[in-house]
Amino acid sequence: MGHALALVQDMEAALGRSETDLSPWFHEDFAWDGNRGCGVKRGLPEFLSGWQSRWRAFLSDRSYHTVQWMEDGDWAACFGEAHGTHSGPLMGIAATGNTLRVPYIDFWQVRDGRIAYNKVSVDLAEALHQLGHDVFGGHGWDASDVVKAV
């Protein structure tokens, strides 16, 4: 295991512990680049207020279940699911107390020993589906799949 993967895995463990000071893992000019609905956050303060605090409020008791890790030089990546309780608002849907699983894919670039860039895709459409809201209004291309997703 190289330095990038070790750093990212350590950071994921810190997130799992709900660490409040994430500065040891993130570069000063860190950029978090999320998919539609998540946004782009520039700098750790914006990431913490614009994503992390909302994520923690929405999905309490969360645990991370990373399926696969990969590393290429200063880049690390993974995919998996976060599991937790829907305990705060998600895209206008009030807390239900339901247990949810939220798939994710992350790519991190490490510079100067800390995470400088994170390209992430958080499958909020899947989370909303679990709450009974179809963001595709019945027109999702998966409707014709012979084998349904788990």
Protein backbone atom coordinates (compact mmCIF):
# COMPACT_ATOMS: atom_id res chain seq x y z
CA MET A 1 0.00 0.00 0.00
CA GLY A 2 1.32 3.41 -0.95
CA HIS A 3 1.11 6.76 0.80
CA ALA A 4 -2.04 7.98 -1.00
CA LEU A 5 -4.12 4.94 -0.12
CA ALA A 6 -2.88 4.84 3.49
CA LEU A 7 -3.82 8.51 3.96
CA VAL A 8 -7.28 8.07 2.44
CA GLN A 9 -8.06 4.94 4.45
CA ASP A 10 -6.99 6.74 7.62
CA MET A 11 -9.24 9.67 6.68
CA GLU A 12 -12.20 7.31 6.08
CA ALA A 13 -11.66 5.84 9.55
CA ALA A 14 -11.70 9.40 10.97
CA LEU A 15 -14.99 10.08 9.18
CA GLY A 16 -16.38 6.88 10.66
CA ARG A 17 -15.42 8.15 14.12
CA SER A 18 -17.15 11.49 13.32
CA GLU A 19 -13.90 13.41 13.85
CA THR A 20 -14.54 17.15 13.93
CA ASP A 21 -11.03 18.34 12.99
CA LEU A 22 -10.30 17.00 9.51
CA SER A 23 -7.38 19.34 8.81
CA PRO A 24 -4.73 16.63 9.26
CA TRP A 25 -6.06 14.86 6.16
CA PHE A 26 -6.96 17.77 3.86
CA HIS A 27 -4.76 20.27 2.01
CA GLU A 28 -5.38 24.00 2.59
CA ASP A 29 -6.74 24.46 -0.95
CA PHE A 30 -8.71 21.21 -0.95
CA ALA A 31 -11.53 20.91 -3.50
CA TRP A 32 -14.47 18.54 -3.13
CA ASP A 33 -16.13 17.99 -6.51
CA GLY A 34 -19.48 16.24 -6.12
CA ASN A 35 -22.17 15.14 -8.53
CA ARG A 36 -25.50 16.94 -9.15
CA GLY A 37 -27.23 17.65 -5.86
CA CYS A 38 -23.98 17.56 -3.91
CA GLY A 39 -22.13 20.53 -5.38
CA VAL A 40 -18.54 21.70 -5.43
CA LYS A 41 -16.90 22.81 -2.19
CA ARG A 42 -13.69 24.85 -2.15
CA GLY A 43 -11.62 24.58 1.01
CA LEU A 44 -12.16 22.60 4.17
CA PRO A 45 -14.53 25.12 5.86
CA GLU A 46 -16.87 25.10 2.85
CA PHE A 47 -16.70 21.30 2.67
CA LEU A 48 -17.53 21.00 6.36
CA SER A 49 -20.46 23.43 6.30
CA GLY A 50 -21.77 22.73 2.80
CA TRP A 51 -21.46 18.95 2.76
CA GLN A 52 -20.14 17.19 5.84
CA SER A 53 -22.45 18.80 8.42
CA ARG A 54 -25.49 18.14 6.19
CA TRP A 55 -24.35 14.56 5.50
CA ARG A 56 -23.89 13.88 9.21
CA ALA A 57 -27.31 15.36 10.04
CA PHE A 58 -29.02 13.41 7.25
CA LEU A 59 -27.37 10.03 7.91
CA SER A 60 -26.65 9.44 11.58
CA ASP A 61 -25.19 6.25 13.01
CA ARG A 62 -23.41 5.90 9.71
CA SER A 63 -20.81 3.31 8.88
CA TYR A 64 -18.76 3.00 5.72
CA HIS A 65 -18.62 -0.28 3.81
CA THR A 66 -15.95 0.16 1.17
CA VAL A 67 -15.94 -2.75 -1.25
CA GLN A 68 -12.79 -2.02 -3.25
CA TRP A 69 -9.76 0.24 -2.91
CA MET A 70 -7.41 1.21 -5.73
CA GLU A 71 -4.25 3.31 -5.95
CA ASP A 72 -2.22 4.79 -8.78
CA GLY A 73 0.66 7.03 -7.71
CA ASP A 74 -0.76 10.07 -5.91
CA TRP A 75 -4.33 8.96 -6.60
CA ALA A 76 -6.52 6.64 -4.54
CA ALA A 77 -10.08 5.52 -5.30
CA CYS A 78 -12.81 3.36 -3.88
CA PHE A 79 -16.44 2.41 -4.10
CA GLY A 80 -18.84 1.20 -1.46
CA GLU A 81 -21.87 2.19 0.58
CA ALA A 82 -22.59 4.25 3.65
CA HIS A 83 -25.23 2.74 5.94
CA GLY A 84 -27.09 4.78 8.52
CA THR A 85 -30.33 6.19 9.86
CA HIS A 86 -32.26 8.85 7.94
CA SER A 87 -32.25 11.34 10.81
CA GLY A 88 -32.24 14.70 9.01
CA PRO A 89 -33.56 16.32 5.85
CA LEU A 90 -32.54 14.99 2.44
CA MET A 91 -33.50 17.08 -0.59
CA GLY A 92 -36.66 18.30 1.14
CA ILE A 93 -37.64 14.95 2.69
CA ALA A 94 -37.87 15.11 6.47
CA ALA A 95 -36.24 12.47 8.65
CA THR A 96 -38.04 9.11 8.60
CA GLY A 97 -35.87 7.04 10.93
CA ASN A 98 -35.46 4.49 8.12
CA THR A 99 -32.19 2.64 7.65
CA LEU A 100 -30.61 3.65 4.34
CA ARG A 101 -27.66 2.59 2.23
CA VAL A 102 -26.05 5.25 0.06
CA PRO A 103 -23.62 4.06 -2.63
CA TYR A 104 -20.51 6.16 -3.31
CA ILE A 105 -17.51 6.32 -5.61
CA ASP A 106 -14.52 8.48 -4.65
CA PHE A 107 -11.28 9.53 -6.34
CA TRP A 108 -8.71 11.43 -4.25
CA GLN A 109 -5.56 13.20 -5.33
CA VAL A 110 -2.89 13.57 -2.65
CA ARG A 111 -0.42 16.46 -2.69
CA ASP A 112 2.15 17.32 -0.02
CA GLY A 113 0.91 14.44 2.15
CA ARG A 114 -2.73 15.57 2.29
CA ILE A 115 -5.85 15.25 0.16
CA ALA A 116 -5.97 18.11 -2.36
CA TYR A 117 -8.84 17.01 -4.61
CA ASN A 118 -11.79 14.66 -4.23
CA LYS A 119 -14.00 13.75 -7.19
CA VAL A 120 -17.02 12.02 -5.70
CA SER A 121 -20.31 10.56 -6.80
CA VAL A 122 -22.83 10.02 -4.01
CA ASP A 123 -25.89 8.14 -5.26
CA LEU A 124 -28.58 10.36 -3.78
CA ALA A 125 -31.05 9.07 -6.39
CA GLU A 126 -30.71 5.63 -4.74
CA ALA A 127 -31.21 7.11 -1.26
CA LEU A 128 -34.29 9.00 -2.45
CA HIS A 129 -35.61 5.81 -4.09
CA GLN A 130 -35.35 4.05 -0.72
CA LEU A 131 -37.51 6.86 0.68
CA GLY A 132 -40.17 6.33 -1.99
CA HIS A 133 -39.16 9.20 -4.28
CA ASP A 134 -38.30 8.35 -7.90
CA VAL A 135 -36.20 11.25 -9.22
CA PHE A 136 -36.62 9.85 -12.74
CA GLY A 137 -40.41 9.86 -12.56
CA GLY A 138 -40.66 6.29 -13.85
CA HIS A 139 -38.46 7.05 -16.85
CA GLY A 140 -35.19 5.62 -15.55
CA TRP A 141 -33.43 3.36 -18.03
CA ASP A 142 -33.14 0.71 -15.33
CA ALA A 143 -36.90 0.05 -15.58
CA SER A 144 -36.23 -2.40 -18.40
CA ASP A 145 -33.42 -4.27 -16.67
CA VAL A 146 -33.93 -8.04 -16.51
CA VAL A 147 -31.78 -8.28 -13.39
CA LYS A 148 -32.71 -5.64 -10.80
CA ALA A 149 -30.10 -3.84 -8.70
CA VAL A 150 -29.73 -4.90 -5.08
